[in-house]
Amino acid sequence: MAVFTYNKTVQVAKNDDVTLTINHPDPGTASYHLIDRPIADDLEGTNEAGFSLGKGEDLLIERTVIYSKAVNMDQNNLEIKLIFSINDKEIVEHSNPKSIDPSPQIKINLIFIGI
């Protein structure tokens, strides 16, 4: 099982509402997501989803980690592809051939810094 890790730094203003969006650009993709936030409860969801991560000031204190497990069941599609965005700005485009791993784990370590 392959684990693909991304380390990203994202600028946010303290008063910003921060939203994570996960998209599947190819048909046949299914996914499960767990988001470990520095505040309150962790979040979880499936497939294409939008998550409210909280206010910028709450996210500046510690890293946020996104864990995703994906699969593409379309036999005509030979890749797994997901796009992760913060406040509509793409931060990670993950893609891997099914021959490497048909159900990869994706881990994104996010560090939010103030503007």
C-alpha atoms as a PDB file:
ATOM      1  CA  MET A   1       0.000   0.000   0.000  1.00  0.00           C
ATOM      2  CA  ALA A   2       1.472   3.299  -1.109  1.00  0.00           C
ATOM      3  CA  VAL A   3       1.292   6.409   1.061  1.00  0.00           C
ATOM      4  CA  PHE A   4       1.769   9.705  -0.761  1.00  0.00           C
ATOM      5  CA  THR A   5       2.720  12.555   1.579  1.00  0.00           C
ATOM      6  CA  TYR A   6       2.526  16.261   0.786  1.00  0.00           C
ATOM      7  CA  ASN A   7       3.743  19.108   3.001  1.00  0.00           C
ATOM      8  CA  LYS A   8       2.046  22.419   2.257  1.00  0.00           C
ATOM      9  CA  THR A   9       2.067  25.898   3.766  1.00  0.00           C
ATOM     10  CA  VAL A  10      -1.003  28.069   3.251  1.00  0.00           C
ATOM     11  CA  GLN A  11      -1.451  31.736   4.154  1.00  0.00           C
ATOM     12  CA  VAL A  12      -4.690  32.772   5.854  1.00  0.00           C
ATOM     13  CA  ALA A  13      -5.913  35.882   7.598  1.00  0.00           C
ATOM     14  CA  LYS A  14      -6.934  35.452  11.226  1.00  0.00           C
ATOM     15  CA  ASN A  15     -10.571  36.301  10.464  1.00  0.00           C
ATOM     16  CA  ASP A  16     -10.856  34.099   7.358  1.00  0.00           C
ATOM     17  CA  ASP A  17     -13.264  31.183   7.307  1.00  0.00           C
ATOM     18  CA  VAL A  18     -11.125  28.338   5.949  1.00  0.00           C
ATOM     19  CA  THR A  19     -12.735  25.730   3.718  1.00  0.00           C
ATOM     20  CA  LEU A  20     -11.220  22.533   2.305  1.00  0.00           C
ATOM     21  CA  THR A  21     -12.704  21.169  -0.914  1.00  0.00           C
ATOM     22  CA  ILE A  22     -11.883  17.745  -2.378  1.00  0.00           C
ATOM     23  CA  ASN A  23     -12.741  17.033  -6.027  1.00  0.00           C
ATOM     24  CA  HIS A  24     -12.643  13.927  -8.201  1.00  0.00           C
ATOM     25  CA  PRO A  25     -11.921  15.055 -11.762  1.00  0.00           C
ATOM     26  CA  ASP A  26     -12.374  11.537 -13.195  1.00  0.00           C
ATOM     27  CA  PRO A  27     -15.525   9.391 -13.158  1.00  0.00           C
ATOM     28  CA  GLY A  28     -15.474   6.237 -11.048  1.00  0.00           C
ATOM     29  CA  THR A  29     -13.506   7.683  -8.112  1.00  0.00           C
ATOM     30  CA  ALA A  30     -14.561   7.075  -4.515  1.00  0.00           C
ATOM     31  CA  SER A  31     -12.735   8.287  -1.419  1.00  0.00           C
ATOM     32  CA  TYR A  32     -12.818   8.536   2.361  1.00  0.00           C
ATOM     33  CA  HIS A  33     -11.330  11.503   4.248  1.00  0.00           C
ATOM     34  CA  LEU A  34     -10.313  12.229   7.826  1.00  0.00           C
ATOM     35  CA  ILE A  35      -9.171  15.719   8.816  1.00  0.00           C
ATOM     36  CA  ASP A  36      -7.220  16.159  12.050  1.00  0.00           C
ATOM     37  CA  ARG A  37      -7.686  19.805  13.097  1.00  0.00           C
ATOM     38  CA  PRO A  38      -5.993  21.668  15.944  1.00  0.00           C
ATOM     39  CA  ILE A  39      -9.430  22.714  17.225  1.00  0.00           C
ATOM     40  CA  ALA A  40     -12.455  20.833  18.473  1.00  0.00           C
ATOM     41  CA  ASP A  41     -13.457  17.642  16.717  1.00  0.00           C
ATOM     42  CA  ASP A  42     -11.828  15.960  13.763  1.00  0.00           C
ATOM     43  CA  LEU A  43     -13.846  15.854  10.546  1.00  0.00           C
ATOM     44  CA  GLU A  44     -14.611  12.945   8.257  1.00  0.00           C
ATOM     45  CA  GLY A  45     -16.443  12.498   4.990  1.00  0.00           C
ATOM     46  CA  THR A  46     -16.643  10.587   1.760  1.00  0.00           C
ATOM     47  CA  ASN A  47     -16.156  11.300  -1.936  1.00  0.00           C
ATOM     48  CA  GLU A  48     -16.245  14.845  -3.251  1.00  0.00           C
ATOM     49  CA  ALA A  49     -16.738  17.022  -0.212  1.00  0.00           C
ATOM     50  CA  GLY A  50     -16.373  20.430   1.341  1.00  0.00           C
ATOM     51  CA  PHE A  51     -15.224  20.884   4.934  1.00  0.00           C
ATOM     52  CA  SER A  52     -15.241  23.980   7.115  1.00  0.00           C
ATOM     53  CA  LEU A  53     -11.899  23.816   8.911  1.00  0.00           C
ATOM     54  CA  GLY A  54     -12.565  26.824  11.151  1.00  0.00           C
ATOM     55  CA  LYS A  55     -11.258  30.366  11.472  1.00  0.00           C
ATOM     56  CA  GLY A  56      -7.742  31.230  10.368  1.00  0.00           C
ATOM     57  CA  GLU A  57      -6.686  32.211  13.891  1.00  0.00           C
ATOM     58  CA  ASP A  58      -7.636  28.756  15.225  1.00  0.00           C
ATOM     59  CA  LEU A  59      -5.613  26.976  12.537  1.00  0.00           C
ATOM     60  CA  LEU A  60      -2.408  28.965  13.078  1.00  0.00           C
ATOM     61  CA  ILE A  61      -1.605  27.249  16.390  1.00  0.00           C
ATOM     62  CA  GLU A  62      -0.831  23.747  15.090  1.00  0.00           C
ATOM     63  CA  ARG A  63      -0.696  21.744  11.879  1.00  0.00           C
ATOM     64  CA  THR A  64      -3.785  20.297  10.211  1.00  0.00           C
ATOM     65  CA  VAL A  65      -3.503  16.831   8.672  1.00  0.00           C
ATOM     66  CA  ILE A  66      -5.700  15.472   5.878  1.00  0.00           C
ATOM     67  CA  TYR A  67      -5.832  11.707   5.397  1.00  0.00           C
ATOM     68  CA  SER A  68      -7.555  10.353   2.282  1.00  0.00           C
ATOM     69  CA  LYS A  69      -7.984   6.839   0.898  1.00  0.00           C
ATOM     70  CA  ALA A  70      -9.066   6.704  -2.731  1.00  0.00           C
ATOM     71  CA  VAL A  71      -9.989   4.187  -5.411  1.00  0.00           C
ATOM     72  CA  ASN A  72     -11.156   4.467  -9.018  1.00  0.00           C
ATOM     73  CA  MET A  73     -13.503   1.673 -10.041  1.00  0.00           C
ATOM     74  CA  ASP A  74     -13.733   2.685 -13.706  1.00  0.00           C
ATOM     75  CA  GLN A  75     -11.895  -0.081 -15.600  1.00  0.00           C
ATOM     76  CA  ASN A  76     -11.202   2.329 -18.462  1.00  0.00           C
ATOM     77  CA  ASN A  77      -9.395   4.762 -16.169  1.00  0.00           C
ATOM     78  CA  LEU A  78      -5.836   3.765 -15.287  1.00  0.00           C
ATOM     79  CA  GLU A  79      -5.225   6.553 -12.755  1.00  0.00           C
ATOM     80  CA  ILE A  80      -6.316   7.715  -9.330  1.00  0.00           C
ATOM     81  CA  LYS A  81      -6.703  11.495  -9.171  1.00  0.00           C
ATOM     82  CA  LEU A  82      -7.913  13.901  -6.459  1.00  0.00           C
ATOM     83  CA  ILE A  83      -7.667  17.680  -6.191  1.00  0.00           C
ATOM     84  CA  PHE A  84      -7.471  19.406  -2.795  1.00  0.00           C
ATOM     85  CA  SER A  85      -8.230  23.135  -2.479  1.00  0.00           C
ATOM     86  CA  ILE A  86      -8.259  25.640   0.379  1.00  0.00           C
ATOM     87  CA  ASN A  87     -10.708  28.525  -0.110  1.00  0.00           C
ATOM     88  CA  ASP A  88     -10.968  27.659  -3.827  1.00  0.00           C
ATOM     89  CA  LYS A  89      -7.181  27.711  -4.361  1.00  0.00           C
ATOM     90  CA  GLU A  90      -5.674  24.377  -5.400  1.00  0.00           C
ATOM     91  CA  ILE A  91      -2.996  23.190  -2.974  1.00  0.00           C
ATOM     92  CA  VAL A  92      -2.486  19.561  -4.057  1.00  0.00           C
ATOM     93  CA  GLU A  93      -3.297  17.638  -7.216  1.00  0.00           C
ATOM     94  CA  HIS A  94      -2.624  13.995  -6.458  1.00  0.00           C
ATOM     95  CA  SER A  95      -2.357  11.497  -9.282  1.00  0.00           C
ATOM     96  CA  ASN A  96      -0.915   8.010  -9.448  1.00  0.00           C
ATOM     97  CA  PRO A  97      -1.249   5.098 -11.874  1.00  0.00           C
ATOM     98  CA  LYS A  98      -3.364   2.189 -10.642  1.00  0.00           C
ATOM     99  CA  SER A  99      -0.382  -0.033 -11.443  1.00  0.00           C
ATOM    100  CA  ILE A 100       1.520   1.626  -8.576  1.00  0.00           C
ATOM    101  CA  ASP A 101      -1.416   1.402  -6.168  1.00  0.00           C
ATOM    102  CA  PRO A 102      -5.103   0.941  -7.018  1.00  0.00           C
ATOM    103  CA  SER A 103      -6.153   2.328  -3.607  1.00  0.00           C
ATOM    104  CA  PRO A 104      -3.548   4.805  -2.342  1.00  0.00           C
ATOM    105  CA  GLN A 105      -3.449   6.661   0.929  1.00  0.00           C
ATOM    106  CA  ILE A 106      -2.846  10.393   0.675  1.00  0.00           C
ATOM    107  CA  LYS A 107      -1.555  12.425   3.609  1.00  0.00           C
ATOM    108  CA  ILE A 108      -1.352  16.217   3.498  1.00  0.00           C
ATOM    109  CA  ASN A 109       0.409  18.072   6.317  1.00  0.00           C
ATOM    110  CA  LEU A 110      -0.891  21.646   6.309  1.00  0.00           C
ATOM    111  CA  ILE A 111       0.767  24.500   8.117  1.00  0.00           C
ATOM    112  CA  PHE A 112      -1.284  27.685   8.133  1.00  0.00           C
ATOM    113  CA  ILE A 113       0.597  30.952   8.498  1.00  0.00           C
ATOM    114  CA  GLY A 114      -0.842  34.413   9.010  1.00  0.00           C
ATOM    115  CA  ILE A 115      -0.942  37.061   6.323  1.00  0.00           C
END
